[in-house]
Amino acid sequence: MWWIYALLSALFAALTAIFAKIGIKGVDTDLATAIRTVVILILAWAIVLFKGSNQGISGLTKTNWTFLILSGCATGLSWICYFRALQLGKVSQVAPVDKLSVALAIVLAVVFLGEPLTLKNGIGALLIIAGTLVLIF
């Protein structure tokens, strides 16, 4: 079942790139990111409230808060850079290079989370890195 959500995530990420490229024409990318963030904030909280998930907020630990805040900061910085890259480059180049994050996530998961590096994951990461280099150069 996880792969269905992963495929939907990929679809929405692709649509994000297309919609963003059209939407940022002539707009400061930081302003565009701020607008996008407000929309996501409203959508995310609407889902949380609809599902009743907000009751779990009291159970969050200091570690939960710390790493969720760090994740939010990383996401915001990623979006700011992504929108600027989209404004300067082609979607067909920027979006695939952005997906280098997949290979980086594999490496970081091995180093920081102790996840095993399987041959399949290693080869996949190397292919993503190779593809990124082809697109850049």
N, C-alpha and C. Protein backbone atom coordinates (compact mmCIF):
# COMPACT_ATOMS: atom_id res chain seq x y z
N MET A 1 0.82 -1.20 0.00
CA MET A 1 0.00 0.00 0.00
C MET A 1 0.86 1.27 0.00
N TRP A 2 2.05 1.20 0.59
CA TRP A 2 2.92 2.38 0.67
C TRP A 2 3.26 2.90 -0.72
N TRP A 3 3.40 1.99 -1.68
CA TRP A 3 3.83 2.39 -3.02
C TRP A 3 2.76 3.19 -3.74
N ILE A 4 1.51 3.00 -3.39
CA ILE A 4 0.44 3.80 -4.00
C ILE A 4 0.61 5.26 -3.58
N TYR A 5 0.86 5.47 -2.27
CA TYR A 5 1.08 6.83 -1.79
C TYR A 5 2.36 7.42 -2.37
N ALA A 6 3.38 6.59 -2.53
CA ALA A 6 4.63 7.07 -3.12
C ALA A 6 4.42 7.50 -4.57
N LEU A 7 3.65 6.73 -5.31
CA LEU A 7 3.36 7.10 -6.71
C LEU A 7 2.51 8.37 -6.77
N LEU A 8 1.53 8.48 -5.87
CA LEU A 8 0.73 9.71 -5.82
C LEU A 8 1.60 10.91 -5.45
N SER A 9 2.54 10.70 -4.54
CA SER A 9 3.48 11.76 -4.18
C SER A 9 4.28 12.21 -5.39
N ALA A 10 4.75 11.25 -6.17
CA ALA A 10 5.51 11.58 -7.38
C ALA A 10 4.64 12.35 -8.38
N LEU A 11 3.40 11.92 -8.53
CA LEU A 11 2.49 12.63 -9.44
C LEU A 11 2.27 14.06 -8.99
N PHE A 12 1.98 14.24 -7.69
CA PHE A 12 1.74 15.59 -7.18
C PHE A 12 3.01 16.43 -7.24
N ALA A 13 4.17 15.82 -7.03
CA ALA A 13 5.44 16.56 -7.14
C ALA A 13 5.65 17.02 -8.58
N ALA A 14 5.30 16.17 -9.54
CA ALA A 14 5.42 16.56 -10.95
C ALA A 14 4.47 17.71 -11.27
N LEU A 15 3.25 17.63 -10.77
CA LEU A 15 2.29 18.71 -10.99
C LEU A 15 2.76 19.99 -10.31
N THR A 16 3.39 19.84 -9.15
CA THR A 16 3.93 21.00 -8.44
C THR A 16 4.90 21.76 -9.32
N ALA A 17 5.79 21.03 -9.97
CA ALA A 17 6.78 21.67 -10.83
C ALA A 17 6.12 22.41 -11.98
N ILE A 18 5.14 21.80 -12.61
CA ILE A 18 4.47 22.42 -13.75
C ILE A 18 3.69 23.66 -13.29
N PHE A 19 2.88 23.50 -12.24
CA PHE A 19 2.08 24.61 -11.75
C PHE A 19 2.97 25.76 -11.26
N ALA A 20 4.06 25.40 -10.58
CA ALA A 20 4.97 26.42 -10.04
C ALA A 20 5.64 27.20 -11.17
N LYS A 21 6.08 26.50 -12.20
CA LYS A 21 6.76 27.17 -13.31
C LYS A 21 5.84 28.20 -13.95
N ILE A 22 4.59 27.85 -14.09
CA ILE A 22 3.62 28.79 -14.66
C ILE A 22 3.33 29.92 -13.67
N GLY A 23 3.19 29.57 -12.39
CA GLY A 23 2.79 30.53 -11.37
C GLY A 23 3.86 31.53 -10.97
N ILE A 24 5.14 31.19 -11.16
CA ILE A 24 6.20 32.10 -10.71
C ILE A 24 6.66 33.08 -11.78
N LYS A 25 6.05 33.02 -12.94
CA LYS A 25 6.45 33.92 -14.01
C LYS A 25 6.26 35.37 -13.56
N GLY A 26 7.36 36.10 -13.46
CA GLY A 26 7.31 37.50 -13.07
C GLY A 26 7.06 37.74 -11.59
N VAL A 27 7.22 36.71 -10.76
CA VAL A 27 6.95 36.82 -9.33
C VAL A 27 8.24 36.52 -8.56
N ASP A 28 8.48 37.26 -7.47
CA ASP A 28 9.61 36.96 -6.60
C ASP A 28 9.42 35.55 -6.06
N THR A 29 10.44 34.71 -6.15
CA THR A 29 10.31 33.31 -5.76
C THR A 29 10.09 33.15 -4.25
N ASP A 30 10.60 34.06 -3.44
CA ASP A 30 10.36 33.97 -1.99
C ASP A 30 8.88 34.25 -1.68
N LEU A 31 8.30 35.22 -2.38
CA LEU A 31 6.87 35.50 -2.23
C LEU A 31 6.05 34.29 -2.67
N ALA A 32 6.42 33.70 -3.79
CA ALA A 32 5.72 32.52 -4.30
C ALA A 32 5.80 31.37 -3.29
N THR A 33 6.96 31.19 -2.70
CA THR A 33 7.12 30.14 -1.69
C THR A 33 6.25 30.41 -0.48
N ALA A 34 6.17 31.66 -0.05
CA ALA A 34 5.35 32.02 1.10
C ALA A 34 3.87 31.74 0.81
N ILE A 35 3.41 32.09 -0.37
CA ILE A 35 2.01 31.83 -0.74
C ILE A 35 1.75 30.33 -0.75
N ARG A 36 2.63 29.58 -1.37
CA ARG A 36 2.52 28.12 -1.43
C ARG A 36 2.47 27.54 -0.01
N THR A 37 3.29 28.06 0.87
CA THR A 37 3.36 27.55 2.24
C THR A 37 2.07 27.78 2.99
N VAL A 38 1.46 28.95 2.80
CA VAL A 38 0.18 29.24 3.45
C VAL A 38 -0.89 28.27 2.97
N VAL A 39 -0.92 28.00 1.68
CA VAL A 39 -1.90 27.05 1.13
C VAL A 39 -1.68 25.67 1.75
N ILE A 40 -0.43 25.23 1.82
CA ILE A 40 -0.12 23.93 2.40
C ILE A 40 -0.50 23.90 3.87
N LEU A 41 -0.22 24.98 4.58
CA LEU A 41 -0.55 25.07 6.01
C LEU A 41 -2.06 24.90 6.22
N ILE A 42 -2.85 25.60 5.44
CA ILE A 42 -4.31 25.50 5.56
C ILE A 42 -4.78 24.09 5.22
N LEU A 43 -4.27 23.53 4.12
CA LEU A 43 -4.67 22.19 3.70
C LEU A 43 -4.28 21.15 4.75
N ALA A 44 -3.06 21.22 5.26
CA ALA A 44 -2.59 20.24 6.24
C ALA A 44 -3.41 20.29 7.53
N TRP A 45 -3.68 21.51 8.03
CA TRP A 45 -4.47 21.63 9.26
C TRP A 45 -5.92 21.23 9.03
N ALA A 46 -6.46 21.47 7.86
CA ALA A 46 -7.83 21.03 7.55
C ALA A 46 -7.92 19.51 7.61
N ILE A 47 -6.91 18.84 7.07
CA ILE A 47 -6.88 17.37 7.11
C ILE A 47 -6.75 16.87 8.54
N VAL A 48 -5.84 17.48 9.30
CA VAL A 48 -5.65 17.09 10.71
C VAL A 48 -6.94 17.26 11.50
N LEU A 49 -7.61 18.39 11.34
CA LEU A 49 -8.84 18.64 12.07
C LEU A 49 -9.97 17.72 11.62
N PHE A 50 -10.05 17.47 10.33
CA PHE A 50 -11.07 16.58 9.79
C PHE A 50 -10.91 15.17 10.34
N LYS A 51 -9.67 14.69 10.41
CA LYS A 51 -9.40 13.34 10.91
C LYS A 51 -9.38 13.26 12.43
N GLY A 52 -9.32 14.39 13.11
CA GLY A 52 -9.24 14.40 14.56
C GLY A 52 -7.85 14.09 15.09
N SER A 53 -6.84 14.22 14.23
CA SER A 53 -5.46 13.92 14.61
C SER A 53 -4.86 14.94 15.55
N ASN A 54 -5.49 16.10 15.68
CA ASN A 54 -4.95 17.17 16.51
C ASN A 54 -4.87 16.78 17.99
N GLN A 55 -5.58 15.75 18.40
CA GLN A 55 -5.54 15.31 19.79
C GLN A 55 -4.18 14.72 20.16
N GLY A 56 -3.41 14.29 19.18
CA GLY A 56 -2.10 13.71 19.43
C GLY A 56 -1.01 14.73 19.69
N ILE A 57 -1.33 16.01 19.57
CA ILE A 57 -0.31 17.05 19.72
C ILE A 57 0.25 17.08 21.14
N SER A 58 -0.57 16.76 22.12
CA SER A 58 -0.11 16.79 23.51
C SER A 58 0.88 15.67 23.82
N GLY A 59 0.91 14.64 23.00
CA GLY A 59 1.81 13.52 23.23
C GLY A 59 3.17 13.66 22.57
N LEU A 60 3.38 14.77 21.87
CA LEU A 60 4.67 14.97 21.20
C LEU A 60 5.77 15.23 22.23
N THR A 61 6.91 14.59 22.01
CA THR A 61 8.04 14.77 22.91
C THR A 61 8.91 15.93 22.42
N LYS A 62 9.88 16.28 23.26
CA LYS A 62 10.83 17.33 22.88
C LYS A 62 11.59 16.92 21.62
N THR A 63 11.93 15.65 21.52
CA THR A 63 12.61 15.14 20.32
C THR A 63 11.71 15.27 19.10
N ASN A 64 10.43 14.88 19.26
CA ASN A 64 9.48 15.04 18.15
C ASN A 64 9.47 16.48 17.66
N TRP A 65 9.28 17.42 18.60
CA TRP A 65 9.21 18.84 18.26
C TRP A 65 10.50 19.31 17.58
N THR A 66 11.63 18.94 18.14
CA THR A 66 12.93 19.39 17.60
C THR A 66 13.10 18.95 16.15
N PHE A 67 12.86 17.66 15.90
CA PHE A 67 13.11 17.16 14.55
C PHE A 67 12.01 17.52 13.56
N LEU A 68 10.79 17.70 14.03
CA LEU A 68 9.74 18.21 13.14
C LEU A 68 10.02 19.65 12.74
N ILE A 69 10.53 20.44 13.68
CA ILE A 69 10.90 21.84 13.37
C ILE A 69 12.08 21.86 12.41
N LEU A 70 13.09 21.04 12.66
CA LEU A 70 14.23 20.96 11.75
C LEU A 70 13.79 20.50 10.36
N SER A 71 12.88 19.54 10.30
CA SER A 71 12.35 19.07 9.02
C SER A 71 11.62 20.19 8.30
N GLY A 72 10.85 20.97 9.05
CA GLY A 72 10.14 22.11 8.46
C GLY A 72 11.10 23.15 7.90
N CYS A 73 12.17 23.41 8.64
CA CYS A 73 13.19 24.36 8.16
C CYS A 73 13.85 23.85 6.88
N ALA A 74 14.19 22.56 6.86
CA ALA A 74 14.80 21.97 5.67
C ALA A 74 13.84 22.02 4.48
N THR A 75 12.56 21.75 4.74
CA THR A 75 11.56 21.80 3.68
C THR A 75 11.43 23.22 3.12
N GLY A 76 11.36 24.19 4.01
CA GLY A 76 11.25 25.58 3.56
C GLY A 76 12.43 26.01 2.73
N LEU A 77 13.62 25.68 3.18
CA LEU A 77 14.83 26.03 2.41
C LEU A 77 14.85 25.30 1.07
N SER A 78 14.41 24.05 1.06
CA SER A 78 14.33 23.29 -0.19
C SER A 78 13.38 23.96 -1.17
N TRP A 79 12.22 24.38 -0.68
CA TRP A 79 11.23 25.03 -1.55
C TRP A 79 11.74 26.35 -2.09
N ILE A 80 12.40 27.12 -1.25
CA ILE A 80 12.93 28.41 -1.69
C ILE A 80 13.95 28.19 -2.82
N CYS A 81 14.83 27.23 -2.63
CA CYS A 81 15.83 26.93 -3.66
C CYS A 81 15.18 26.35 -4.92
N TYR A 82 14.19 25.50 -4.72
CA TYR A 82 13.50 24.86 -5.84
C TYR A 82 12.79 25.90 -6.71
N PHE A 83 12.07 26.82 -6.09
CA PHE A 83 11.36 27.84 -6.85
C PHE A 83 12.34 28.74 -7.60
N ARG A 84 13.45 29.07 -6.97
CA ARG A 84 14.46 29.90 -7.65
C ARG A 84 15.05 29.14 -8.83
N ALA A 85 15.33 27.86 -8.63
CA ALA A 85 15.86 27.04 -9.72
C ALA A 85 14.85 26.95 -10.86
N LEU A 86 13.57 26.79 -10.53
CA LEU A 86 12.53 26.74 -11.58
C LEU A 86 12.44 28.03 -12.35
N GLN A 87 12.62 29.14 -11.64
CA GLN A 87 12.54 30.43 -12.32
C GLN A 87 13.71 30.60 -13.29
N LEU A 88 14.86 30.04 -12.95
CA LEU A 88 16.06 30.20 -13.77
C LEU A 88 16.24 29.10 -14.82
N GLY A 89 15.66 27.93 -14.58
CA GLY A 89 15.90 26.79 -15.47
C GLY A 89 14.62 26.18 -15.99
N LYS A 90 14.78 25.12 -16.74
CA LYS A 90 13.66 24.38 -17.32
C LYS A 90 13.18 23.33 -16.33
N VAL A 91 11.87 23.12 -16.31
CA VAL A 91 11.30 22.09 -15.44
C VAL A 91 11.93 20.74 -15.74
N SER A 92 12.15 20.45 -17.02
CA SER A 92 12.72 19.16 -17.42
C SER A 92 14.14 18.96 -16.92
N GLN A 93 14.80 20.02 -16.47
CA GLN A 93 16.13 19.90 -15.88
C GLN A 93 16.06 20.01 -14.35
N VAL A 94 15.31 20.97 -13.86
CA VAL A 94 15.27 21.24 -12.42
C VAL A 94 14.62 20.08 -11.66
N ALA A 95 13.46 19.62 -12.10
CA ALA A 95 12.75 18.58 -11.36
C ALA A 95 13.57 17.30 -11.20
N PRO A 96 14.20 16.80 -12.27
CA PRO A 96 15.01 15.60 -12.09
C PRO A 96 16.23 15.81 -11.18
N VAL A 97 16.87 16.96 -11.29
CA VAL A 97 18.02 17.24 -10.41
C VAL A 97 17.55 17.32 -8.96
N ASP A 98 16.38 17.89 -8.74
CA ASP A 98 15.82 17.94 -7.39
C ASP A 98 15.64 16.54 -6.82
N LYS A 99 15.40 15.58 -7.67
CA LYS A 99 15.21 14.20 -7.22
C LYS A 99 16.52 13.54 -6.81
N LEU A 100 17.62 14.24 -6.96
CA LEU A 100 18.89 13.76 -6.39
C LEU A 100 18.71 13.58 -4.88
N SER A 101 17.71 14.25 -4.34
CA SER A 101 17.40 14.10 -2.90
C SER A 101 17.14 12.64 -2.56
N VAL A 102 16.64 11.86 -3.50
CA VAL A 102 16.40 10.43 -3.25
C VAL A 102 17.71 9.72 -2.95
N ALA A 103 18.71 9.94 -3.78
CA ALA A 103 20.01 9.31 -3.55
C ALA A 103 20.65 9.83 -2.27
N LEU A 104 20.53 11.12 -2.03
CA LEU A 104 21.08 11.70 -0.80
C LEU A 104 20.38 11.13 0.43
N ALA A 105 19.07 10.94 0.34
CA ALA A 105 18.31 10.37 1.46
C ALA A 105 18.77 8.94 1.75
N ILE A 106 19.07 8.18 0.71
CA ILE A 106 19.57 6.81 0.91
C ILE A 106 20.89 6.84 1.67
N VAL A 107 21.81 7.70 1.23
CA VAL A 107 23.12 7.80 1.88
C VAL A 107 22.97 8.28 3.32
N LEU A 108 22.17 9.32 3.53
CA LEU A 108 21.98 9.86 4.88
C LEU A 108 21.28 8.86 5.80
N ALA A 109 20.36 8.06 5.26
CA ALA A 109 19.68 7.05 6.07
C ALA A 109 20.66 5.97 6.53
N VAL A 110 21.61 5.63 5.66
CA VAL A 110 22.64 4.65 6.03
C VAL A 110 23.54 5.23 7.12
N VAL A 111 23.99 6.46 6.92
CA VAL A 111 24.95 7.08 7.83
C VAL A 111 24.31 7.43 9.18
N PHE A 112 23.14 8.07 9.16
CA PHE A 112 22.57 8.61 10.40
C PHE A 112 21.52 7.72 11.06
N LEU A 113 20.83 6.90 10.27
CA LEU A 113 19.78 6.07 10.83
C LEU A 113 20.19 4.60 10.94
N GLY A 114 21.35 4.28 10.39
CA GLY A 114 21.83 2.91 10.45
C GLY A 114 21.06 1.94 9.56
N GLU A 115 20.35 2.47 8.56
CA GLU A 115 19.63 1.59 7.66
C GLU A 115 20.62 0.83 6.78
N PRO A 116 20.32 -0.43 6.48
CA PRO A 116 21.25 -1.20 5.65
C PRO A 116 21.25 -0.70 4.20
N LEU A 117 22.42 -0.71 3.58
CA LEU A 117 22.52 -0.35 2.17
C LEU A 117 22.52 -1.63 1.36
N THR A 118 21.40 -1.91 0.73
CA THR A 118 21.30 -3.12 -0.09
C THR A 118 21.93 -2.84 -1.45
N LEU A 119 22.24 -3.90 -2.15
CA LEU A 119 22.80 -3.76 -3.49
C LEU A 119 21.82 -3.01 -4.40
N LYS A 120 20.55 -3.34 -4.27
CA LYS A 120 19.52 -2.69 -5.08
C LYS A 120 19.46 -1.19 -4.80
N ASN A 121 19.45 -0.81 -3.52
CA ASN A 121 19.41 0.61 -3.17
C ASN A 121 20.68 1.33 -3.61
N GLY A 122 21.83 0.68 -3.45
CA GLY A 122 23.10 1.27 -3.85
C GLY A 122 23.16 1.53 -5.34
N ILE A 123 22.74 0.54 -6.12
CA ILE A 123 22.73 0.71 -7.58
C ILE A 123 21.74 1.79 -7.98
N GLY A 124 20.56 1.79 -7.37
CA GLY A 124 19.56 2.82 -7.66
C GLY A 124 20.08 4.21 -7.37
N ALA A 125 20.74 4.37 -6.22
CA ALA A 125 21.30 5.68 -5.86
C ALA A 125 22.37 6.10 -6.86
N LEU A 126 23.23 5.17 -7.23
CA LEU A 126 24.28 5.50 -8.22
C LEU A 126 23.69 5.89 -9.57
N LEU A 127 22.62 5.22 -9.98
CA LEU A 127 21.97 5.57 -11.25
C LEU A 127 21.33 6.96 -11.18
N ILE A 128 20.73 7.28 -10.04
CA ILE A 128 20.15 8.62 -9.86
C ILE A 128 21.24 9.67 -9.93
N ILE A 129 22.34 9.42 -9.24
CA ILE A 129 23.47 10.36 -9.26
C ILE A 129 24.00 10.52 -10.68
N ALA A 130 24.17 9.41 -11.39
CA ALA A 130 24.66 9.45 -12.77
C ALA A 130 23.69 10.24 -13.65
N GLY A 131 22.40 9.99 -13.51
CA GLY A 131 21.40 10.71 -14.29
C GLY A 131 21.41 12.20 -13.99
N THR A 132 21.60 12.54 -12.74
CA THR A 132 21.68 13.96 -12.35
C THR A 132 22.87 14.63 -13.03
N LEU A 133 24.02 13.95 -13.00
CA LEU A 133 25.22 14.50 -13.63
C LEU A 133 25.02 14.68 -15.14
N VAL A 134 24.32 13.74 -15.77
CA VAL A 134 24.03 13.87 -17.20
C VAL A 134 23.19 15.11 -17.46
N LEU A 135 22.19 15.34 -16.61
CA LEU A 135 21.31 16.49 -16.80
C LEU A 135 22.01 17.82 -16.54
N ILE A 136 22.95 17.82 -15.58
CA ILE A 136 23.65 19.05 -15.25
C ILE A 136 24.66 19.40 -16.34
N PHE A 137 25.40 18.41 -16.81
CA PHE A 137 26.46 18.66 -17.78
C PHE A 137 26.03 18.21 -19.15
